[in-house]
């Protein structure tokens, strides 16, 4: 009976350790995905900012001539 209890305790420790390792791996992967997504988003915002600057409104008040 003691051997069975000892075996049960060992499996609980091993199972707990495996669960912690798997959870840590999932968390690390999620952080990497989030960092990658943020980097992609930043790059796209910078690209679109460059494009939008090409279409900036032109101040036409200097070139408007008034004739009577």
PDB file of N, CA and C in Angstrom:
ATOM      1  N   UNK A   1       0.819  -1.188   0.000  1.00  0.00           N
ATOM      2  CA  UNK A   1       0.000   0.000   0.000  1.00  0.00           C
ATOM      3  C   UNK A   1       0.868   1.259   0.000  1.00  0.00           C
ATOM      4  N   UNK A   2       1.963   1.216   0.739  1.00  0.00           N
ATOM      5  CA  UNK A   2       2.863   2.369   0.792  1.00  0.00           C
ATOM      6  C   UNK A   2       3.508   2.599  -0.579  1.00  0.00           C
ATOM      7  N   UNK A   3       3.798   1.510  -1.280  1.00  0.00           N
ATOM      8  CA  UNK A   3       4.403   1.633  -2.605  1.00  0.00           C
ATOM      9  C   UNK A   3       3.422   2.308  -3.570  1.00  0.00           C
ATOM     10  N   UNK A   4       2.165   1.960  -3.459  1.00  0.00           N
ATOM     11  CA  UNK A   4       1.149   2.566  -4.310  1.00  0.00           C
ATOM     12  C   UNK A   4       1.006   4.067  -4.009  1.00  0.00           C
ATOM     13  N   UNK A   5       1.037   4.407  -2.731  1.00  0.00           N
ATOM     14  CA  UNK A   5       0.952   5.818  -2.334  1.00  0.00           C
ATOM     15  C   UNK A   5       2.182   6.595  -2.827  1.00  0.00           C
ATOM     16  N   UNK A   6       3.345   5.985  -2.741  1.00  0.00           N
ATOM     17  CA  UNK A   6       4.582   6.612  -3.211  1.00  0.00           C
ATOM     18  C   UNK A   6       4.514   6.842  -4.726  1.00  0.00           C
ATOM     19  N   UNK A   7       4.040   5.850  -5.443  1.00  0.00           N
ATOM     20  CA  UNK A   7       3.896   5.961  -6.890  1.00  0.00           C
ATOM     21  C   UNK A   7       2.909   7.072  -7.249  1.00  0.00           C
ATOM     22  N   UNK A   8       1.814   7.147  -6.517  1.00  0.00           N
ATOM     23  CA  UNK A   8       0.802   8.182  -6.756  1.00  0.00           C
ATOM     24  C   UNK A   8       1.399   9.581  -6.536  1.00  0.00           C
ATOM     25  N   UNK A   9       2.156   9.740  -5.481  1.00  0.00           N
ATOM     26  CA  UNK A   9       2.777  11.036  -5.190  1.00  0.00           C
ATOM     27  C   UNK A   9       3.765  11.436  -6.289  1.00  0.00           C
ATOM     28  N   UNK A  10       4.532  10.470  -6.758  1.00  0.00           N
ATOM     29  CA  UNK A  10       5.495  10.764  -7.824  1.00  0.00           C
ATOM     30  C   UNK A  10       4.782  11.195  -9.101  1.00  0.00           C
ATOM     31  N   UNK A  11       3.678  10.505  -9.440  1.00  0.00           N
ATOM     32  CA  UNK A  11       2.938  10.874 -10.647  1.00  0.00           C
ATOM     33  C   UNK A  11       2.307  12.259 -10.508  1.00  0.00           C
ATOM     34  N   UNK A  12       1.883  12.613  -9.300  1.00  0.00           N
ATOM     35  CA  UNK A  12       1.328  13.945  -9.083  1.00  0.00           C
ATOM     36  C   UNK A  12       2.398  15.012  -9.306  1.00  0.00           C
ATOM     37  N   UNK A  13       3.607  14.758  -8.823  1.00  0.00           N
ATOM     38  CA  UNK A  13       4.703  15.712  -9.004  1.00  0.00           C
ATOM     39  C   UNK A  13       5.064  15.822 -10.476  1.00  0.00           C
ATOM     40  N   UNK A  14       5.192  14.681 -11.142  1.00  0.00           N
ATOM     41  CA  UNK A  14       5.544  14.680 -12.559  1.00  0.00           C
ATOM     42  C   UNK A  14       4.431  15.340 -13.379  1.00  0.00           C
ATOM     43  N   UNK A  15       3.201  15.009 -13.083  1.00  0.00           N
ATOM     44  CA  UNK A  15       2.071  15.599 -13.801  1.00  0.00           C
ATOM     45  C   UNK A  15       2.001  17.100 -13.595  1.00  0.00           C
ATOM     46  N   UNK A  16       2.231  17.536 -12.371  1.00  0.00           N
ATOM     47  CA  UNK A  16       2.221  18.971 -12.087  1.00  0.00           C
ATOM     48  C   UNK A  16       3.350  19.675 -12.823  1.00  0.00           C
ATOM     49  N   UNK A  17       4.510  19.066 -12.834  1.00  0.00           N
ATOM     50  CA  UNK A  17       5.660  19.650 -13.524  1.00  0.00           C
ATOM     51  C   UNK A  17       5.389  19.766 -15.030  1.00  0.00           C
ATOM     52  N   UNK A  18       4.814  18.722 -15.602  1.00  0.00           N
ATOM     53  CA  UNK A  18       4.477  18.763 -17.030  1.00  0.00           C
ATOM     54  C   UNK A  18       3.449  19.848 -17.321  1.00  0.00           C
ATOM     55  N   UNK A  19       2.470  19.976 -16.477  1.00  0.00           N
ATOM     56  CA  UNK A  19       1.441  20.993 -16.658  1.00  0.00           C
ATOM     57  C   UNK A  19       2.042  22.398 -16.605  1.00  0.00           C
ATOM     58  N   UNK A  20       2.954  22.627 -15.679  1.00  0.00           N
ATOM     59  CA  UNK A  20       3.613  23.929 -15.571  1.00  0.00           C
ATOM     60  C   UNK A  20       4.443  24.204 -16.819  1.00  0.00           C
ATOM     61  N   UNK A  21       5.175  23.215 -17.288  1.00  0.00           N
ATOM     62  CA  UNK A  21       6.010  23.406 -18.481  1.00  0.00           C
ATOM     63  C   UNK A  21       5.183  23.692 -19.725  1.00  0.00           C
ATOM     64  N   UNK A  22       4.100  22.965 -19.895  1.00  0.00           N
ATOM     65  CA  UNK A  22       3.239  23.177 -21.058  1.00  0.00           C
ATOM     66  C   UNK A  22       2.613  24.568 -20.990  1.00  0.00           C
ATOM     67  N   UNK A  23       2.130  24.947 -19.824  1.00  0.00           N
ATOM     68  CA  UNK A  23       1.521  26.258 -19.666  1.00  0.00           C
ATOM     69  C   UNK A  23       2.537  27.357 -19.943  1.00  0.00           C
ATOM     70  N   UNK A  24       3.748  27.187 -19.469  1.00  0.00           N
ATOM     71  CA  UNK A  24       4.800  28.170 -19.716  1.00  0.00           C
ATOM     72  C   UNK A  24       5.082  28.277 -21.208  1.00  0.00           C
ATOM     73  N   UNK A  25       5.120  27.158 -21.899  1.00  0.00           N
ATOM     74  CA  UNK A  25       5.345  27.165 -23.341  1.00  0.00           C
ATOM     75  C   UNK A  25       4.236  27.884 -24.090  1.00  0.00           C
ATOM     76  N   UNK A  26       3.011  27.669 -23.671  1.00  0.00           N
ATOM     77  CA  UNK A  26       1.879  28.346 -24.306  1.00  0.00           C
ATOM     78  C   UNK A  26       1.974  29.846 -24.067  1.00  0.00           C
ATOM     79  N   UNK A  27       2.297  30.251 -22.854  1.00  0.00           N
ATOM     80  CA  UNK A  27       2.416  31.677 -22.533  1.00  0.00           C
ATOM     81  C   UNK A  27       3.553  32.313 -23.334  1.00  0.00           C
ATOM     82  N   UNK A  28       4.679  31.635 -23.431  1.00  0.00           N
ATOM     83  CA  UNK A  28       5.806  32.168 -24.205  1.00  0.00           C
ATOM     84  C   UNK A  28       5.419  32.327 -25.668  1.00  0.00           C
ATOM     85  N   UNK A  29       4.717  31.345 -26.219  1.00  0.00           N
ATOM     86  CA  UNK A  29       4.274  31.422 -27.604  1.00  0.00           C
ATOM     87  C   UNK A  29       3.288  32.559 -27.818  1.00  0.00           C
ATOM     88  N   UNK A  30       2.399  32.758 -26.862  1.00  0.00           N
ATOM     89  CA  UNK A  30       1.433  33.847 -26.971  1.00  0.00           C
ATOM     90  C   UNK A  30       2.137  35.198 -26.947  1.00  0.00           C
ATOM     91  N   UNK A  31       3.141  35.340 -26.103  1.00  0.00           N
ATOM     92  CA  UNK A  31       3.893  36.596 -26.043  1.00  0.00           C
ATOM     93  C   UNK A  31       4.632  36.855 -27.347  1.00  0.00           C
ATOM     94  N   UNK A  32       5.204  35.812 -27.924  1.00  0.00           N
ATOM     95  CA  UNK A  32       5.901  35.979 -29.200  1.00  0.00           C
ATOM     96  C   UNK A  32       4.927  36.392 -30.300  1.00  0.00           C
ATOM     97  N   UNK A  33       3.753  35.775 -30.327  1.00  0.00           N
ATOM     98  CA  UNK A  33       2.741  36.141 -31.326  1.00  0.00           C
ATOM     99  C   UNK A  33       2.277  37.579 -31.145  1.00  0.00           C
ATOM    100  N   UNK A  34       2.089  37.991 -29.903  1.00  0.00           N
ATOM    101  CA  UNK A  34       1.649  39.358 -29.641  1.00  0.00           C
ATOM    102  C   UNK A  34       2.720  40.357 -30.066  1.00  0.00           C
ATOM    103  N   UNK A  35       3.978  40.070 -29.749  1.00  0.00           N
ATOM    104  CA  UNK A  35       5.072  40.963 -30.156  1.00  0.00           C
ATOM    105  C   UNK A  35       5.168  41.056 -31.675  1.00  0.00           C
ATOM    106  N   UNK A  36       5.020  39.943 -32.339  1.00  0.00           N
ATOM    107  CA  UNK A  36       5.062  39.923 -33.801  1.00  0.00           C
ATOM    108  C   UNK A  36       3.905  40.732 -34.388  1.00  0.00           C
ATOM    109  N   UNK A  37       2.724  40.576 -33.825  1.00  0.00           N
ATOM    110  CA  UNK A  37       1.561  41.325 -34.296  1.00  0.00           C
ATOM    111  C   UNK A  37       1.734  42.825 -34.105  1.00  0.00           C
ATOM    112  N   UNK A  38       2.286  43.220 -32.963  1.00  0.00           N
ATOM    113  CA  UNK A  38       2.522  44.643 -32.723  1.00  0.00           C
ATOM    114  C   UNK A  38       3.540  45.200 -33.708  1.00  0.00           C
ATOM    115  N   UNK A  39       4.579  44.446 -33.989  1.00  0.00           N
ATOM    116  CA  UNK A  39       5.598  44.898 -34.944  1.00  0.00           C
ATOM    117  C   UNK A  39       4.997  45.048 -36.338  1.00  0.00           C
ATOM    118  N   UNK A  40       4.176  44.098 -36.750  1.00  0.00           N
ATOM    119  CA  UNK A  40       3.510  44.182 -38.063  1.00  0.00           C
ATOM    120  C   UNK A  40       2.598  45.404 -38.132  1.00  0.00           C
ATOM    121  N   UNK A  41       1.854  45.636 -37.062  1.00  0.00           N
ATOM    122  CA  UNK A  41       0.943  46.781 -37.034  1.00  0.00           C
ATOM    123  C   UNK A  41       1.712  48.088 -37.113  1.00  0.00           C
ATOM    124  N   UNK A  42       2.807  48.198 -36.349  1.00  0.00           N
ATOM    125  CA  UNK A  42       3.631  49.413 -36.388  1.00  0.00           C
ATOM    126  C   UNK A  42       4.173  49.662 -37.794  1.00  0.00           C
ATOM    127  N   UNK A  43       4.634  48.602 -38.449  1.00  0.00           N
ATOM    128  CA  UNK A  43       5.188  48.740 -39.793  1.00  0.00           C
ATOM    129  C   UNK A  43       4.112  49.213 -40.772  1.00  0.00           C
ATOM    130  N   UNK A  44       2.915  48.667 -40.669  1.00  0.00           N
ATOM    131  CA  UNK A  44       1.839  49.071 -41.575  1.00  0.00           C
ATOM    132  C   UNK A  44       1.419  50.519 -41.323  1.00  0.00           C
ATOM    133  N   UNK A  45       1.376  50.925 -40.063  1.00  0.00           N
ATOM    134  CA  UNK A  45       1.022  52.313 -39.757  1.00  0.00           C
ATOM    135  C   UNK A  45       2.063  53.256 -40.349  1.00  0.00           C
ATOM    136  N   UNK A  46       3.335  52.900 -40.227  1.00  0.00           N
ATOM    137  CA  UNK A  46       4.389  53.737 -40.799  1.00  0.00           C
ATOM    138  C   UNK A  46       4.275  53.810 -42.319  1.00  0.00           C
ATOM    139  N   UNK A  47       3.977  52.681 -42.958  1.00  0.00           N
ATOM    140  CA  UNK A  47       3.813  52.669 -44.411  1.00  0.00           C
ATOM    141  C   UNK A  47       2.658  53.579 -44.836  1.00  0.00           C
ATOM    142  N   UNK A  48       1.534  53.459 -44.147  1.00  0.00           N
ATOM    143  CA  UNK A  48       0.372  54.272 -44.511  1.00  0.00           C
ATOM    144  C   UNK A  48       0.596  55.742 -44.172  1.00  0.00           C
ATOM    145  N   UNK A  49       1.343  56.016 -43.133  1.00  0.00           N
ATOM    146  CA  UNK A  49       1.662  57.412 -42.806  1.00  0.00           C
ATOM    147  C   UNK A  49       2.458  58.042 -43.939  1.00  0.00           C
ATOM    148  N   UNK A  50       3.395  57.287 -44.498  1.00  0.00           N
ATOM    149  CA  UNK A  50       4.172  57.789 -45.628  1.00  0.00           C
ATOM    150  C   UNK A  50       3.281  58.044 -46.842  1.00  0.00           C
ATOM    151  N   UNK A  51       2.348  57.152 -47.098  1.00  0.00           N
ATOM    152  CA  UNK A  51       1.445  57.314 -48.240  1.00  0.00           C
ATOM    153  C   UNK A  51       0.522  58.511 -48.012  1.00  0.00           C
ATOM    154  N   UNK A  52      -0.020  58.632 -46.818  1.00  0.00           N
ATOM    155  CA  UNK A  52      -0.934  59.734 -46.541  1.00  0.00           C
ATOM    156  C   UNK A  52      -0.244  61.092 -46.629  1.00  0.00           C
ATOM    157  N   UNK A  53       1.036  61.131 -46.311  1.00  0.00           N
ATOM    158  CA  UNK A  53       1.754  62.401 -46.399  1.00  0.00           C
ATOM    159  C   UNK A  53       1.835  62.881 -47.854  1.00  0.00           C
ATOM    160  N   UNK A  54       1.740  61.983 -48.806  1.00  0.00           N
ATOM    161  CA  UNK A  54       1.735  62.373 -50.214  1.00  0.00           C
ATOM    162  C   UNK A  54       0.451  63.112 -50.586  1.00  0.00           C
ATOM    163  N   UNK A  55      -0.613  62.849 -49.854  1.00  0.00           N
ATOM    164  CA  UNK A  55      -1.908  63.449 -50.140  1.00  0.00           C
ATOM    165  C   UNK A  55      -2.278  64.535 -49.128  1.00  0.00           C
ATOM    166  N   UNK A  56      -1.297  65.134 -48.513  1.00  0.00           N
ATOM    167  CA  UNK A  56      -1.569  66.178 -47.534  1.00  0.00           C
ATOM    168  C   UNK A  56      -2.236  67.361 -48.231  1.00  0.00           C
ATOM    169  N   UNK A  57      -3.174  67.998 -47.561  1.00  0.00           N
ATOM    170  CA  UNK A  57      -3.847  69.136 -48.184  1.00  0.00           C
ATOM    171  C   UNK A  57      -2.853  70.260 -48.468  1.00  0.00           C
ATOM    172  N   UNK A  58      -3.030  70.864 -49.610  1.00  0.00           N
ATOM    173  CA  UNK A  58      -2.150  71.948 -50.026  1.00  0.00           C
ATOM    174  C   UNK A  58      -2.817  73.267 -49.656  1.00  0.00           C
ATOM    175  N   UNK A  59      -2.044  74.136 -49.062  1.00  0.00           N
ATOM    176  CA  UNK A  59      -2.564  75.436 -48.690  1.00  0.00           C
ATOM    177  C   UNK A  59      -2.590  76.318 -49.944  1.00  0.00           C
ATOM    178  N   UNK A  60      -3.786  76.545 -50.466  1.00  0.00           N
ATOM    179  CA  UNK A  60      -3.931  77.263 -51.728  1.00  0.00           C
ATOM    180  C   UNK A  60      -4.188  78.753 -51.535  1.00  0.00           C
ATOM    181  N   UNK A  61      -4.124  79.245 -50.342  1.00  0.00           N
ATOM    182  CA  UNK A  61      -4.418  80.659 -50.108  1.00  0.00           C
ATOM    183  C   UNK A  61      -3.364  81.564 -50.749  1.00  0.00           C
ATOM    184  N   UNK A  62      -2.120  81.080 -50.881  1.00  0.00           N
ATOM    185  CA  UNK A  62      -1.075  81.887 -51.496  1.00  0.00           C
ATOM    186  C   UNK A  62      -1.258  82.000 -53.010  1.00  0.00           C
ATOM    187  N   UNK A  63      -1.860  81.005 -53.628  1.00  0.00           N
ATOM    188  CA  UNK A  63      -1.961  81.007 -55.081  1.00  0.00           C
ATOM    189  C   UNK A  63      -3.299  81.539 -55.595  1.00  0.00           C
ATOM    190  N   UNK A  64      -4.187  81.903 -54.713  1.00  0.00           N
ATOM    191  CA  UNK A  64      -5.503  82.392 -55.138  1.00  0.00           C
ATOM    192  C   UNK A  64      -5.380  83.871 -55.484  1.00  0.00           C
ATOM    193  N   UNK A  65      -5.860  84.215 -56.667  1.00  0.00           N
ATOM    194  CA  UNK A  65      -5.828  85.609 -57.100  1.00  0.00           C
ATOM    195  C   UNK A  65      -7.262  86.122 -57.192  1.00  0.00           C
ATOM    196  N   UNK A  66      -7.420  87.275 -56.751  1.00  0.00           N
ATOM    197  CA  UNK A  66      -8.751  87.883 -56.788  1.00  0.00           C
ATOM    198  C   UNK A  66      -8.717  88.995 -57.831  1.00  0.00           C
ATOM    199  N   UNK A  67      -9.676  88.943 -58.713  1.00  0.00           N
ATOM    200  CA  UNK A  67      -9.767  90.009 -59.701  1.00  0.00           C
ATOM    201  C   UNK A  67     -11.151  90.647 -59.630  1.00  0.00           C
ATOM    202  N   UNK A  68     -11.201  91.892 -59.907  1.00  0.00           N
ATOM    203  CA  UNK A  68     -12.492  92.593 -59.843  1.00  0.00           C
ATOM    204  C   UNK A  68     -12.985  92.972 -61.208  1.00  0.00           C
TER     205      UNK A  68
END
